[in-house]
Amino acid sequence: MAGLWLPSYSFAQGIIEGKVINGTFPDRPVSVPEVALYRQQGNQPPEKLSSQPTPEGHYRFEGVPPDPQVRYHLATTYQGILQYGEEITFEAGHPPALGSPQTAPGSRGGSPITPAVPEKAESPGKPLKTSDLKVYEVTADAGQLSVSRAHIILDVMGQELTVTEFMILENPGNRAVWGKKLLRFSLPAGAQGFQGPGELTNEAAGGAGGFWLLEPIPPGQKQLLYGYSLPYSGKGQDFQRRIDLPTTQLDVLVADKGLEVSSPSLSFQGPVDMGNNQKFLRWSATGLRPATLIGLQFQAAGSTGRVFKGGAIAVVLLLVVGGFAYPFVRGRRAGRPGSSPPSAQTSGAAKEGMAPLKRERRRLLETIADLDDRYEAGEITEAEHRRSREPKFQQLVEITTRLRKDAKGRTDKARG
């Protein structure tokens, strides 16, 4: 059966259709009982529409609002794990869904769900998106996994040392790696307030240990983001972290607040200016093997104020889109860290053109921070938190990438 959304205006109906395919063995058919389509608009909770695919794996969702501001995700459960497809959006130019959808009898508000027979018939005039849902066979062999890039962001807030970790996991195989207690990531002794897609190990519940990753790692890359805090006395602090997977590149960013930082295992790379009054000291290492211990020592603390809510997320964002290279090059060319050449200063018109994007980026940052707070307070489930957070984080990456490309283009043009 196919799912059908019934908006108030018939001209605002679109179609999403596709086929469940086996990403591990493309020639093998895939049988799943249900395909779900998640619809996310703004800060509203995601809506779910279900469809029963044909024996060949075809699915079809009708009455889908083709509003470019709405984001869709396909998902299905295969071999015991929930596997997601890529994000789907409609291009601008199609009429957006106007007004509120009419609620069918028996529905619980929002867009009603009405069964319909899946067809491959033509639908003249209706926006159509074809998106296949690729699923993978599952393996418990994690021997091929590695980390291509890892970032640890450290900041002092009162009596706490807050830690945000971001890493890019690499799976070169053709199967999704997953197991209930398969992948364990270490946390420093004394870690508390853990937030992330994992379940604390028994020893971590007592203040040290690690967490089990609950999400599968599909072939290719997967981003992992989590955070926690450590007690900070202000008189000195040691931060020690165990490496769990082969790691090509590790960068540690320490908020520059008057701390005296040293490390026997990391190389100091100098200061980094991320903008928005966020300055860090960068330490790094390459070619790290599992069980390697990396550490830093802190001697004194300066300011304990935070720049703005979601600041660590903003830094992670810059790391995702290559935020290291631009500040370094900019500082060297200008003759001092964090300043750009006079000829490359942003014009008033350019600033005005970028202003909406910057406002949207700040709004998304605060929205993500609010989602994290709601999840920590138990107001939303982990699944709701993940479904709502991941599309917004991807939007942040896209907006930040556009802003940085625009800035680089104007700088190159001014120099040329």
Protein backbone atom coordinates (compact mmCIF):
# COMPACT_ATOMS: atom_id res chain seq x y z
CA MET A 1 0.00 0.00 0.00
CA ALA A 2 1.12 3.56 -0.55
CA GLY A 3 0.87 6.52 1.75
CA LEU A 4 -1.14 9.59 0.84
CA TRP A 5 -1.05 13.06 2.36
CA LEU A 6 -4.13 15.15 1.60
CA PRO A 7 -3.32 18.88 1.61
CA SER A 8 -6.03 21.51 1.36
CA TYR A 9 -5.07 22.49 -2.18
CA SER A 10 -4.90 19.82 -4.85
CA PHE A 11 -2.33 21.75 -6.90
CA ALA A 12 0.11 21.44 -4.00
CA GLN A 13 0.48 17.66 -4.28
CA GLY A 14 3.72 15.95 -5.15
CA ILE A 15 4.92 12.37 -5.33
CA ILE A 16 7.93 10.58 -3.87
CA GLU A 17 8.56 7.11 -5.19
CA GLY A 18 11.41 4.65 -5.47
CA LYS A 19 12.62 1.18 -4.69
CA VAL A 20 14.33 -0.51 -1.77
CA ILE A 21 17.63 -1.83 -3.10
CA ASN A 22 20.38 -3.94 -1.58
CA GLY A 23 23.53 -1.84 -1.31
CA THR A 24 25.67 -4.85 -0.39
CA PHE A 25 24.42 -7.21 -3.10
CA PRO A 26 22.72 -5.09 -5.81
CA ASP A 27 21.41 -8.15 -7.66
CA ARG A 28 19.56 -9.53 -4.63
CA PRO A 29 15.97 -8.45 -3.99
CA VAL A 30 15.08 -6.88 -0.65
CA SER A 31 11.90 -7.63 1.26
CA VAL A 32 10.84 -5.20 3.99
CA PRO A 33 7.38 -4.92 5.56
CA GLU A 34 7.26 -1.12 5.61
CA VAL A 35 8.91 2.03 4.29
CA ALA A 36 8.53 5.22 6.34
CA LEU A 37 8.68 8.77 5.03
CA TYR A 38 9.52 11.43 7.63
CA ARG A 39 8.41 14.97 6.88
CA GLN A 40 10.21 17.81 8.69
CA GLN A 41 9.31 21.49 8.40
CA GLY A 42 10.86 24.19 10.55
CA ASN A 43 10.81 23.42 14.25
CA GLN A 44 7.71 21.25 14.08
CA PRO A 45 7.94 17.63 15.23
CA PRO A 46 8.52 15.27 12.29
CA GLU A 47 5.48 13.56 10.79
CA LYS A 48 5.65 9.94 9.73
CA LEU A 49 3.87 8.35 6.79
CA SER A 50 4.11 4.60 6.16
CA SER A 51 3.86 2.61 2.96
CA GLN A 52 3.85 -1.12 2.33
CA PRO A 53 6.16 -1.76 -0.64
CA THR A 54 5.41 -4.23 -3.39
CA PRO A 55 7.16 -7.64 -3.39
CA GLU A 56 9.71 -6.09 -5.77
CA GLY A 57 10.42 -3.32 -3.25
CA HIS A 58 8.65 -0.40 -4.98
CA TYR A 59 7.02 2.29 -2.83
CA ARG A 60 5.09 5.46 -3.57
CA PHE A 61 3.96 8.41 -1.45
CA GLU A 62 1.30 10.71 -2.90
CA GLY A 63 -0.07 14.07 -1.82
CA VAL A 64 3.40 15.15 -0.67
CA PRO A 65 3.70 18.96 -0.34
CA PRO A 66 6.50 20.02 -2.75
CA ASP A 67 7.49 22.98 -0.59
CA PRO A 68 11.30 23.45 -0.87
CA GLN A 69 11.36 24.35 2.85
CA VAL A 70 10.15 20.84 3.73
CA ARG A 71 12.71 18.06 4.09
CA TYR A 72 11.95 14.37 3.73
CA HIS A 73 13.78 11.23 4.82
CA LEU A 74 13.03 7.63 3.90
CA ALA A 75 13.71 4.85 6.38
CA THR A 76 13.07 1.16 6.87
CA THR A 77 14.07 -1.59 9.25
CA TYR A 78 16.30 -4.22 7.64
CA GLN A 79 18.14 -7.01 9.43
CA GLY A 80 17.08 -5.59 12.77
CA ILE A 81 18.32 -2.02 12.39
CA LEU A 82 16.72 1.20 11.19
CA GLN A 83 18.41 2.33 7.98
CA TYR A 84 17.91 5.82 6.52
CA GLY A 85 18.03 7.08 2.96
CA GLU A 86 19.36 10.41 1.76
CA GLU A 87 17.51 13.66 2.37
CA ILE A 88 14.88 14.61 -0.23
CA THR A 89 13.79 18.15 -1.08
CA PHE A 90 11.75 19.66 -3.88
CA GLU A 91 13.22 22.49 -5.93
CA ALA A 92 11.80 25.99 -5.82
CA GLY A 93 9.21 26.72 -8.49
CA HIS A 94 6.56 24.25 -7.45
CA PRO A 95 3.59 25.77 -5.57
CA PRO A 96 4.13 25.39 -1.80
CA ALA A 97 1.53 23.77 0.39
CA LEU A 98 -0.74 26.61 1.52
CA GLY A 99 -2.76 26.63 4.72
CA SER A 100 -3.17 23.75 7.10
CA PRO A 101 -3.97 20.26 5.80
CA GLN A 102 -7.50 19.06 6.31
CA THR A 103 -7.68 16.48 9.04
CA ALA A 104 -9.45 13.29 8.11
CA PRO A 105 -11.84 11.61 10.55
CA GLY A 106 -9.95 9.42 12.95
CA SER A 107 -6.58 11.10 12.40
CA ARG A 108 -4.70 12.73 15.27
CA GLY A 109 -4.05 16.15 13.79
CA GLY A 110 -1.41 17.22 11.30
CA SER A 111 -1.40 15.66 7.85
CA PRO A 112 -3.72 12.67 7.65
CA ILE A 113 -2.55 9.29 6.44
CA THR A 114 -4.76 7.57 3.90
CA PRO A 115 -3.92 4.24 2.21
CA ALA A 116 -3.75 4.06 -1.55
CA VAL A 117 -2.66 1.46 -4.09
CA PRO A 118 0.92 2.06 -5.34
CA GLU A 119 1.03 2.66 -9.05
CA LYS A 120 3.64 3.63 -11.59
CA ALA A 121 1.09 5.58 -13.59
CA GLU A 122 2.00 8.98 -14.91
CA SER A 123 0.81 11.97 -12.90
CA PRO A 124 0.85 14.96 -15.27
CA GLY A 125 1.56 18.27 -13.59
CA LYS A 126 2.50 16.76 -10.23
CA PRO A 127 6.07 17.27 -8.99
CA LEU A 128 7.78 13.88 -8.85
CA LYS A 129 10.85 12.85 -6.89
CA THR A 130 12.40 9.44 -7.44
CA SER A 131 14.61 8.35 -4.57
CA ASP A 132 15.72 4.79 -3.96
CA LEU A 133 16.28 3.60 -0.41
CA LYS A 134 19.56 1.72 -0.16
CA VAL A 135 19.91 -0.76 2.69
CA TYR A 136 22.90 -2.87 3.65
CA GLU A 137 23.57 -6.31 5.02
CA VAL A 138 24.73 -6.14 8.63
CA THR A 139 28.02 -7.36 10.06
CA ALA A 140 29.47 -7.41 13.57
CA ASP A 141 33.03 -7.23 12.21
CA ALA A 142 34.38 -3.77 13.08
CA GLY A 143 37.96 -4.54 12.08
CA GLN A 144 37.93 -2.25 9.03
CA LEU A 145 36.61 0.84 10.80
CA SER A 146 38.82 3.86 11.27
CA VAL A 147 38.61 7.61 11.97
CA SER A 148 39.79 9.92 9.22
CA ARG A 149 39.43 13.09 11.28
CA ALA A 150 38.71 13.69 14.96
CA HIS A 151 38.20 16.94 16.85
CA ILE A 152 38.05 17.56 20.59
CA ILE A 153 36.88 21.02 21.74
CA LEU A 154 37.64 21.99 25.34
CA ASP A 155 36.19 24.99 27.17
CA VAL A 156 36.15 26.08 30.81
CA MET A 157 32.75 27.05 32.22
CA GLY A 158 32.88 27.83 35.93
CA GLN A 159 33.70 24.61 37.76
CA GLU A 160 33.41 22.46 34.65
CA LEU A 161 35.58 21.60 31.69
CA THR A 162 33.12 21.06 28.85
CA VAL A 163 34.16 18.65 26.12
CA THR A 164 32.65 18.33 22.64
CA GLU A 165 33.94 15.55 20.41
CA PHE A 166 33.35 15.21 16.70
CA MET A 167 34.76 12.51 14.45
CA ILE A 168 34.33 11.17 10.94
CA LEU A 169 34.11 7.38 10.96
CA GLU A 170 35.19 5.49 7.85
CA ASN A 171 33.69 2.17 6.79
CA PRO A 172 35.42 0.94 3.60
CA GLY A 173 33.37 -2.26 3.42
CA ASN A 174 30.00 -2.96 1.79
CA ARG A 175 28.09 -3.88 4.96
CA ALA A 176 26.69 -1.83 7.81
CA VAL A 177 28.63 -2.42 11.03
CA TRP A 178 26.40 -2.80 14.07
CA GLY A 179 26.01 -4.66 17.32
CA LYS A 180 24.35 -3.84 20.64
CA LYS A 181 27.68 -3.91 22.49
CA LEU A 182 30.11 -3.85 19.59
CA LEU A 183 31.63 -0.38 19.37
CA ARG A 184 32.84 1.12 22.62
CA PHE A 185 34.18 4.68 22.78
CA SER A 186 36.21 5.77 25.79
CA LEU A 187 35.42 8.66 28.10
CA PRO A 188 37.93 10.24 30.51
CA ALA A 189 37.72 9.37 34.19
CA GLY A 190 35.18 11.60 35.91
CA ALA A 191 33.13 12.29 32.78
CA GLN A 192 29.55 13.33 33.51
CA GLY A 193 26.50 14.73 31.72
CA PHE A 194 27.07 12.62 28.59
CA GLN A 195 24.99 13.61 25.56
CA GLY A 196 25.19 11.56 22.39
CA PRO A 197 23.94 8.55 20.43
CA GLY A 198 25.14 5.95 22.87
CA GLU A 199 24.52 4.00 26.06
CA LEU A 200 26.92 4.46 28.95
CA THR A 201 28.85 1.38 30.02
CA ASN A 202 28.47 0.24 33.62
CA GLU A 203 31.73 1.75 34.73
CA ALA A 204 30.84 5.06 33.01
CA ALA A 205 27.72 5.33 35.15
CA GLY A 206 30.10 5.54 38.09
CA GLY A 207 32.02 8.41 36.55
CA ALA A 208 34.51 6.75 34.18
CA GLY A 209 34.59 4.35 31.28
CA GLY A 210 32.86 4.93 27.97
CA PHE A 211 29.73 4.35 25.92
CA TRP A 212 28.39 1.86 23.42
CA LEU A 213 27.47 3.34 20.06
CA LEU A 214 23.84 2.44 19.34
CA GLU A 215 23.74 3.53 15.70
CA PRO A 216 24.89 1.42 12.73
CA ILE A 217 27.83 2.59 10.63
CA PRO A 218 26.92 2.21 6.94
CA PRO A 219 29.52 1.96 4.18
CA GLY A 220 31.28 5.26 3.55
CA GLN A 221 31.47 8.02 6.14
CA LYS A 222 29.47 8.62 9.29
CA GLN A 223 29.70 11.69 11.52
CA LEU A 224 29.68 11.16 15.28
CA LEU A 225 29.07 14.08 17.65
CA TYR A 226 28.81 13.87 21.45
CA GLY A 227 29.66 15.85 24.55
CA TYR A 228 30.26 15.61 28.29
CA SER A 229 31.92 17.57 31.09
CA LEU A 230 34.66 17.09 33.68
CA PRO A 231 35.07 18.71 37.10
CA TYR A 232 37.45 21.69 37.00
CA SER A 233 39.06 23.12 40.13
CA GLY A 234 40.72 26.14 38.54
CA LYS A 235 44.09 25.19 40.06
CA GLY A 236 45.12 22.76 37.35
CA GLN A 237 43.64 19.97 35.33
CA ASP A 238 44.77 16.93 33.36
CA PHE A 239 42.74 15.80 30.36
CA GLN A 240 43.49 12.28 29.17
CA ARG A 241 41.71 10.43 26.41
CA ARG A 242 42.17 6.92 25.01
CA ILE A 243 42.13 6.41 21.23
CA ASP A 244 39.67 3.65 20.27
CA LEU A 245 40.05 3.33 16.48
CA PRO A 246 42.96 3.97 14.09
CA THR A 247 42.89 7.76 13.66
CA THR A 248 44.49 9.56 10.74
CA GLN A 249 44.24 13.11 12.12
CA LEU A 250 43.34 14.43 15.58
CA ASP A 251 42.91 18.11 16.42
CA VAL A 252 42.29 19.42 19.93
CA LEU A 253 40.99 22.97 20.28
CA VAL A 254 41.27 24.64 23.69
CA ALA A 255 39.28 27.84 24.22
CA ASP A 256 41.82 30.65 24.64
CA LYS A 257 40.80 32.05 28.04
CA GLY A 258 44.18 32.55 29.65
CA LEU A 259 44.84 28.85 30.18
CA GLU A 260 48.43 27.65 30.17
CA VAL A 261 48.29 24.43 28.20
CA SER A 262 50.97 21.81 27.61
CA SER A 263 50.96 18.33 26.15
CA PRO A 264 53.56 15.53 25.99
CA SER A 265 51.65 13.68 23.26
CA LEU A 266 50.33 16.44 20.95
CA SER A 267 52.06 19.07 18.83
CA PHE A 268 51.14 22.73 19.28
CA GLN A 269 49.97 24.27 15.99
CA GLY A 270 49.32 27.82 17.16
CA PRO A 271 46.22 29.96 17.77
CA VAL A 272 43.06 29.72 15.68
CA ASP A 273 40.46 32.48 15.24
CA MET A 274 37.07 30.99 14.35
CA GLY A 275 35.29 34.35 14.28
CA ASN A 276 32.45 35.48 16.56
CA ASN A 277 35.06 36.13 19.30
CA GLN A 278 35.89 32.42 19.42
CA LYS A 279 39.64 31.95 19.73
CA PHE A 280 41.33 28.63 20.36
CA LEU A 281 44.72 27.02 20.84
CA ARG A 282 45.19 24.12 18.47
CA TRP A 283 47.04 20.89 19.25
CA SER A 284 47.26 17.94 16.87
CA ALA A 285 48.60 14.46 16.18
CA THR A 286 48.54 12.07 13.22
CA GLY A 287 48.62 8.32 12.70
CA LEU A 288 47.27 7.37 16.12
CA ARG A 289 46.80 3.68 16.93
CA PRO A 290 44.13 2.16 19.18
CA ALA A 291 44.94 2.25 22.92
CA THR A 292 47.16 5.33 22.47
CA LEU A 293 46.72 7.86 25.29
CA ILE A 294 46.66 11.56 24.43
CA GLY A 295 46.63 14.22 27.10
CA LEU A 296 46.84 17.89 27.99
CA GLN A 297 47.62 19.74 31.20
CA PHE A 298 45.99 23.03 32.23
CA GLN A 299 47.53 25.39 34.78
CA ALA A 300 45.33 28.49 35.10
CA ALA A 301 41.92 29.80 34.04
CA GLY A 302 40.84 33.13 32.70
CA SER A 303 37.32 34.14 31.74
CA THR A 304 34.63 31.53 32.28
CA GLY A 305 31.94 33.13 30.13
CA ARG A 306 30.67 31.43 27.01
CA VAL A 307 30.35 33.30 23.74
CA PHE A 308 26.81 32.13 22.95
CA LYS A 309 24.58 29.12 23.33
CA GLY A 310 25.56 26.46 20.80
CA GLY A 311 29.09 27.84 20.43
CA ALA A 312 30.72 24.41 20.39
CA ILE A 313 28.31 23.34 17.66
CA ALA A 314 29.38 26.35 15.60
CA VAL A 315 33.02 25.37 15.95
CA VAL A 316 32.25 21.80 14.91
CA LEU A 317 30.44 23.23 11.90
CA LEU A 318 33.54 25.10 10.79
CA LEU A 319 35.57 21.92 11.18
CA VAL A 320 33.12 20.00 9.00
CA VAL A 321 33.47 22.45 6.11
CA GLY A 322 37.24 22.85 6.42
CA GLY A 323 37.31 25.66 8.93
CA PHE A 324 41.01 25.29 9.76
CA ALA A 325 42.53 26.26 6.41
CA TYR A 326 40.80 29.60 5.92
CA PRO A 327 41.70 31.21 9.29
CA PHE A 328 45.32 30.06 8.96
CA VAL A 329 45.75 31.38 5.41
CA ARG A 330 43.87 34.55 6.23
CA GLY A 331 46.08 35.25 9.24
CA ARG A 332 49.34 34.64 7.36
CA ARG A 333 48.40 36.79 4.38
CA ALA A 334 47.21 39.63 6.55
CA GLY A 335 50.32 39.61 8.68
CA ARG A 336 48.42 38.98 11.91
CA PRO A 337 46.02 36.27 13.09
CA GLY A 338 42.34 36.65 12.35
CA SER A 339 42.43 39.73 10.09
CA SER A 340 41.92 39.96 6.33
CA PRO A 341 43.71 42.27 3.87
CA PRO A 342 42.16 45.72 3.46
CA SER A 343 41.39 44.96 -0.20
CA ALA A 344 39.40 41.90 0.83
CA GLN A 345 37.18 43.57 3.40
CA THR A 346 33.52 42.80 2.89
CA SER A 347 31.63 45.58 1.11
CA GLY A 348 28.35 46.94 2.45
CA ALA A 349 26.39 45.34 -0.39
CA ALA A 350 28.06 41.98 0.15
CA LYS A 351 27.37 42.13 3.88
CA GLU A 352 23.73 42.91 3.18
CA GLY A 353 23.51 39.96 0.80
CA MET A 354 24.97 37.57 3.36
CA ALA A 355 22.97 38.88 6.30
CA PRO A 356 19.93 36.58 5.80
CA LEU A 357 22.19 33.53 5.66
CA LYS A 358 24.00 34.59 8.81
CA ARG A 359 20.69 35.16 10.60
CA GLU A 360 19.49 31.73 9.49
CA ARG A 361 22.72 30.13 10.67
CA ARG A 362 22.37 31.71 14.10
CA ARG A 363 18.70 30.61 14.28
CA LEU A 364 19.65 27.03 13.42
CA LEU A 365 22.43 27.04 16.00
CA GLU A 366 20.03 28.13 18.72
CA THR A 367 17.40 25.64 17.53
CA ILE A 368 19.89 22.78 17.77
CA ALA A 369 21.01 23.92 21.20
CA ASP A 370 17.35 24.03 22.29
CA LEU A 371 16.78 20.50 20.94
CA ASP A 372 19.79 19.30 22.94
CA ASP A 373 18.39 20.93 26.08
CA ARG A 374 14.97 19.34 25.53
CA TYR A 375 16.54 15.92 24.99
CA GLU A 376 18.68 16.29 28.12
CA ALA A 377 15.56 17.26 30.10
CA GLY A 378 13.71 14.17 28.85
CA GLU A 379 11.10 16.16 26.91
CA ILE A 380 11.78 14.32 23.63
CA THR A 381 12.99 10.81 22.87
CA GLU A 382 16.37 9.95 21.38
CA ALA A 383 14.75 9.06 18.04
CA GLU A 384 12.85 12.37 17.93
CA HIS A 385 16.03 14.24 18.88
CA ARG A 386 18.03 12.57 16.11
CA ARG A 387 15.37 13.01 13.42
CA SER A 388 14.92 16.69 14.25
CA ARG A 389 18.59 17.49 14.81
CA GLU A 390 20.30 15.84 11.84
CA PRO A 391 18.47 17.78 9.07
CA LYS A 392 19.14 21.06 10.87
CA PHE A 393 22.81 20.22 11.31
CA GLN A 394 23.02 19.46 7.58
CA GLN A 395 21.39 22.84 6.84
CA LEU A 396 24.04 24.46 9.02
CA VAL A 397 26.79 22.74 7.06
CA GLU A 398 25.29 23.91 3.76
CA ILE A 399 24.83 27.52 4.90
CA THR A 400 28.30 27.70 6.44
CA THR A 401 29.82 26.24 3.27
CA ARG A 402 28.05 28.88 1.15
CA LEU A 403 29.19 31.70 3.42
CA ARG A 404 32.79 30.53 3.37
CA LYS A 405 32.82 30.02 -0.42
CA ASP A 406 31.38 33.50 -0.87
CA ALA A 407 34.02 35.01 1.41
CA LYS A 408 36.81 33.12 -0.36
CA GLY A 409 35.50 34.18 -3.78
CA ARG A 410 35.45 37.84 -2.81
CA THR A 411 38.95 37.57 -1.32
CA ASP A 412 40.35 35.90 -4.46
CA LYS A 413 38.65 38.48 -6.68
CA ALA A 414 40.10 41.37 -4.66
CA ARG A 415 43.60 39.90 -4.89
CA GLY A 416 43.28 39.19 -8.62
